[in-house]
Amino acid sequence: MTDRLNIEVAMSSEMKSAIDQIEALSGQPVESIAADALAHYVAWRVPQLLDLQQAIVEADNGEFASTDEVDEWFSRYGA
C-alpha cells in the first residue's frame, strides 16, 4: 500500500516552468516528479541532520578535533 501526502507548494514561475518541462520531456506526471524529488531530498537530508545532531552531542561533551587533526585536515584539502 502506498501512503499519500497531499501538499501545496508555492514556487517561482521559473521552477514551475522547469517542472512542466520535465513533465513534457519525460512523460512523467507531476505527482511522480514531485515524489522522486522528495525521495532524493529525504535520502540526502535525513543523514545530514543525523550527523549534525551527533556532532552537537559530541561538541556538548567537549569532544573536539585536536590541533593535529585540524592541521592534517587542512593539509589534506590544500587549505
N, C-alpha and C. Protein backbone atom coordinates (compact mmCIF):
# COMPACT_ATOMS: atom_id res chain seq x y z
N MET A 1 0.84 -1.18 0.00
CA MET A 1 0.00 0.00 0.00
C MET A 1 0.88 1.24 0.00
N THR A 2 0.48 2.20 -0.76
CA THR A 2 1.22 3.46 -0.85
C THR A 2 0.47 4.52 -0.07
N ASP A 3 1.18 5.20 0.82
CA ASP A 3 0.59 6.32 1.54
C ASP A 3 0.57 7.54 0.65
N ARG A 4 -0.35 8.44 0.91
CA ARG A 4 -0.44 9.67 0.14
C ARG A 4 -0.23 10.85 1.07
N LEU A 5 0.46 11.85 0.57
CA LEU A 5 0.67 13.12 1.25
C LEU A 5 0.27 14.21 0.27
N ASN A 6 -0.81 14.87 0.56
CA ASN A 6 -1.28 15.94 -0.32
C ASN A 6 -0.72 17.26 0.20
N ILE A 7 0.08 17.91 -0.64
CA ILE A 7 0.68 19.18 -0.26
C ILE A 7 0.51 20.19 -1.39
N GLU A 8 0.56 21.44 -1.00
CA GLU A 8 0.56 22.52 -1.98
C GLU A 8 1.85 23.28 -1.78
N VAL A 9 2.56 23.53 -2.87
CA VAL A 9 3.88 24.14 -2.79
C VAL A 9 3.88 25.44 -3.58
N ALA A 10 4.27 26.52 -2.92
CA ALA A 10 4.47 27.79 -3.62
C ALA A 10 5.86 27.77 -4.24
N MET A 11 5.95 28.19 -5.50
CA MET A 11 7.25 28.20 -6.17
C MET A 11 7.28 29.31 -7.21
N SER A 12 8.48 29.62 -7.63
CA SER A 12 8.65 30.65 -8.66
C SER A 12 8.11 30.14 -9.99
N SER A 13 7.82 31.07 -10.87
CA SER A 13 7.35 30.69 -12.20
C SER A 13 8.44 29.93 -12.96
N GLU A 14 9.70 30.26 -12.66
CA GLU A 14 10.81 29.55 -13.31
C GLU A 14 10.83 28.08 -12.89
N MET A 15 10.62 27.82 -11.59
CA MET A 15 10.60 26.44 -11.10
C MET A 15 9.42 25.69 -11.71
N LYS A 16 8.27 26.33 -11.75
CA LYS A 16 7.09 25.69 -12.34
C LYS A 16 7.33 25.37 -13.81
N SER A 17 7.96 26.28 -14.53
CA SER A 17 8.28 26.03 -15.94
C SER A 17 9.24 24.86 -16.09
N ALA A 18 10.23 24.77 -15.21
CA ALA A 18 11.18 23.66 -15.25
C ALA A 18 10.47 22.33 -14.99
N ILE A 19 9.57 22.32 -14.04
CA ILE A 19 8.82 21.09 -13.75
C ILE A 19 7.94 20.72 -14.93
N ASP A 20 7.29 21.71 -15.52
CA ASP A 20 6.48 21.45 -16.71
C ASP A 20 7.34 20.87 -17.84
N GLN A 21 8.56 21.37 -17.97
CA GLN A 21 9.46 20.87 -19.00
C GLN A 21 9.85 19.42 -18.72
N ILE A 22 10.15 19.11 -17.47
CA ILE A 22 10.47 17.72 -17.11
C ILE A 22 9.28 16.82 -17.43
N GLU A 23 8.09 17.29 -17.09
CA GLU A 23 6.88 16.50 -17.36
C GLU A 23 6.75 16.24 -18.87
N ALA A 24 6.95 17.27 -19.67
CA ALA A 24 6.81 17.12 -21.12
C ALA A 24 7.89 16.22 -21.71
N LEU A 25 9.12 16.38 -21.24
CA LEU A 25 10.23 15.61 -21.80
C LEU A 25 10.23 14.15 -21.35
N SER A 26 9.82 13.93 -20.09
CA SER A 26 9.92 12.57 -19.54
C SER A 26 8.62 11.78 -19.67
N GLY A 27 7.51 12.49 -19.81
CA GLY A 27 6.23 11.80 -19.84
C GLY A 27 5.73 11.42 -18.46
N GLN A 28 6.47 11.81 -17.43
CA GLN A 28 6.06 11.51 -16.05
C GLN A 28 5.04 12.54 -15.59
N PRO A 29 4.05 12.11 -14.83
CA PRO A 29 3.13 13.09 -14.26
C PRO A 29 3.83 13.89 -13.15
N VAL A 30 3.31 15.08 -12.91
CA VAL A 30 3.89 15.96 -11.89
C VAL A 30 3.98 15.26 -10.54
N GLU A 31 3.00 14.46 -10.20
CA GLU A 31 3.00 13.76 -8.91
C GLU A 31 4.21 12.84 -8.79
N SER A 32 4.56 12.17 -9.88
CA SER A 32 5.71 11.28 -9.89
C SER A 32 7.01 12.06 -9.79
N ILE A 33 7.08 13.18 -10.49
CA ILE A 33 8.27 14.05 -10.43
C ILE A 33 8.46 14.56 -9.01
N ALA A 34 7.38 15.00 -8.39
CA ALA A 34 7.46 15.53 -7.02
C ALA A 34 7.86 14.43 -6.04
N ALA A 35 7.30 13.24 -6.19
CA ALA A 35 7.65 12.14 -5.29
C ALA A 35 9.12 11.77 -5.43
N ASP A 36 9.62 11.76 -6.66
CA ASP A 36 11.02 11.45 -6.91
C ASP A 36 11.93 12.52 -6.29
N ALA A 37 11.55 13.79 -6.49
CA ALA A 37 12.34 14.88 -5.92
C ALA A 37 12.37 14.80 -4.40
N LEU A 38 11.24 14.52 -3.78
CA LEU A 38 11.20 14.39 -2.32
C LEU A 38 12.02 13.20 -1.84
N ALA A 39 11.97 12.10 -2.57
CA ALA A 39 12.76 10.92 -2.19
C ALA A 39 14.25 11.24 -2.21
N HIS A 40 14.70 11.93 -3.24
CA HIS A 40 16.12 12.31 -3.32
C HIS A 40 16.49 13.27 -2.19
N TYR A 41 15.64 14.24 -1.91
CA TYR A 41 15.91 15.21 -0.85
C TYR A 41 15.98 14.52 0.51
N VAL A 42 15.01 13.67 0.80
CA VAL A 42 14.98 12.98 2.08
C VAL A 42 16.19 12.06 2.24
N ALA A 43 16.59 11.38 1.18
CA ALA A 43 17.76 10.49 1.24
C ALA A 43 19.02 11.26 1.56
N TRP A 44 19.11 12.50 1.16
CA TRP A 44 20.26 13.35 1.44
C TRP A 44 20.12 14.05 2.79
N ARG A 45 18.94 14.57 3.08
CA ARG A 45 18.75 15.45 4.24
C ARG A 45 18.72 14.70 5.57
N VAL A 46 18.08 13.55 5.64
CA VAL A 46 18.00 12.82 6.91
C VAL A 46 19.39 12.45 7.43
N PRO A 47 20.27 11.84 6.63
CA PRO A 47 21.62 11.55 7.15
C PRO A 47 22.38 12.82 7.55
N GLN A 48 22.19 13.89 6.80
CA GLN A 48 22.85 15.15 7.15
C GLN A 48 22.40 15.64 8.53
N LEU A 49 21.11 15.60 8.78
CA LEU A 49 20.59 16.06 10.08
C LEU A 49 21.02 15.13 11.22
N LEU A 50 21.07 13.83 10.95
CA LEU A 50 21.54 12.89 11.97
C LEU A 50 23.01 13.13 12.31
N ASP A 51 23.83 13.39 11.28
CA ASP A 51 25.25 13.70 11.51
C ASP A 51 25.39 15.00 12.30
N LEU A 52 24.60 15.99 11.97
CA LEU A 52 24.65 17.26 12.69
C LEU A 52 24.24 17.07 14.14
N GLN A 53 23.19 16.31 14.36
CA GLN A 53 22.74 16.04 15.72
C GLN A 53 23.84 15.35 16.53
N GLN A 54 24.53 14.38 15.92
CA GLN A 54 25.63 13.68 16.59
C GLN A 54 26.78 14.64 16.87
N ALA A 55 27.09 15.52 15.93
CA ALA A 55 28.17 16.48 16.12
C ALA A 55 27.86 17.43 17.27
N ILE A 56 26.61 17.82 17.41
CA ILE A 56 26.22 18.70 18.52
C ILE A 56 26.38 17.98 19.85
N VAL A 57 25.98 16.72 19.90
CA VAL A 57 26.16 15.92 21.13
C VAL A 57 27.63 15.84 21.48
N GLU A 58 28.48 15.55 20.48
CA GLU A 58 29.91 15.44 20.73
C GLU A 58 30.49 16.78 21.18
N ALA A 59 30.07 17.87 20.57
CA ALA A 59 30.56 19.19 20.98
C ALA A 59 30.11 19.51 22.40
N ASP A 60 28.87 19.18 22.71
CA ASP A 60 28.37 19.41 24.07
C ASP A 60 29.15 18.59 25.10
N ASN A 61 29.71 17.46 24.67
CA ASN A 61 30.52 16.61 25.54
C ASN A 61 31.99 17.02 25.54
N GLY A 62 32.30 18.10 24.83
CA GLY A 62 33.68 18.58 24.79
C GLY A 62 34.57 17.81 23.86
N GLU A 63 33.99 17.05 22.95
CA GLU A 63 34.77 16.24 22.02
C GLU A 63 35.04 17.06 20.75
N PHE A 64 36.20 17.68 20.69
CA PHE A 64 36.58 18.48 19.55
C PHE A 64 37.81 17.88 18.89
N ALA A 65 38.04 18.25 17.65
CA ALA A 65 39.24 17.79 16.96
C ALA A 65 40.46 18.43 17.60
N SER A 66 41.53 17.67 17.69
CA SER A 66 42.78 18.20 18.22
C SER A 66 43.41 19.13 17.19
N THR A 67 44.36 19.91 17.62
CA THR A 67 45.09 20.80 16.72
C THR A 67 45.74 20.00 15.60
N ASP A 68 46.32 18.84 15.93
CA ASP A 68 46.95 17.99 14.92
C ASP A 68 45.94 17.50 13.90
N GLU A 69 44.74 17.11 14.36
CA GLU A 69 43.70 16.64 13.45
C GLU A 69 43.24 17.76 12.51
N VAL A 70 43.12 18.96 13.04
CA VAL A 70 42.72 20.11 12.22
C VAL A 70 43.80 20.42 11.20
N ASP A 71 45.06 20.44 11.63
CA ASP A 71 46.17 20.70 10.72
C ASP A 71 46.23 19.66 9.61
N GLU A 72 46.02 18.40 9.96
CA GLU A 72 46.06 17.31 9.00
C GLU A 72 44.92 17.47 7.99
N TRP A 73 43.74 17.86 8.45
CA TRP A 73 42.60 18.06 7.56
C TRP A 73 42.89 19.19 6.57
N PHE A 74 43.41 20.30 7.07
CA PHE A 74 43.74 21.42 6.19
C PHE A 74 44.83 21.06 5.19
N SER A 75 45.80 20.26 5.62
CA SER A 75 46.86 19.82 4.71
C SER A 75 46.30 18.92 3.61
N ARG A 76 45.42 18.03 3.98
CA ARG A 76 44.83 17.09 3.03
C ARG A 76 44.03 17.81 1.95
N TYR A 77 43.34 18.88 2.32
CA TYR A 77 42.47 19.57 1.37
C TYR A 77 43.07 20.86 0.85
N GLY A 78 44.37 21.07 1.09
CA GLY A 78 45.06 22.19 0.50
C GLY A 78 44.64 23.56 1.00
N ALA A 79 44.15 23.62 2.19
CA ALA A 79 43.71 24.91 2.72
C ALA A 79 44.79 25.52 3.61
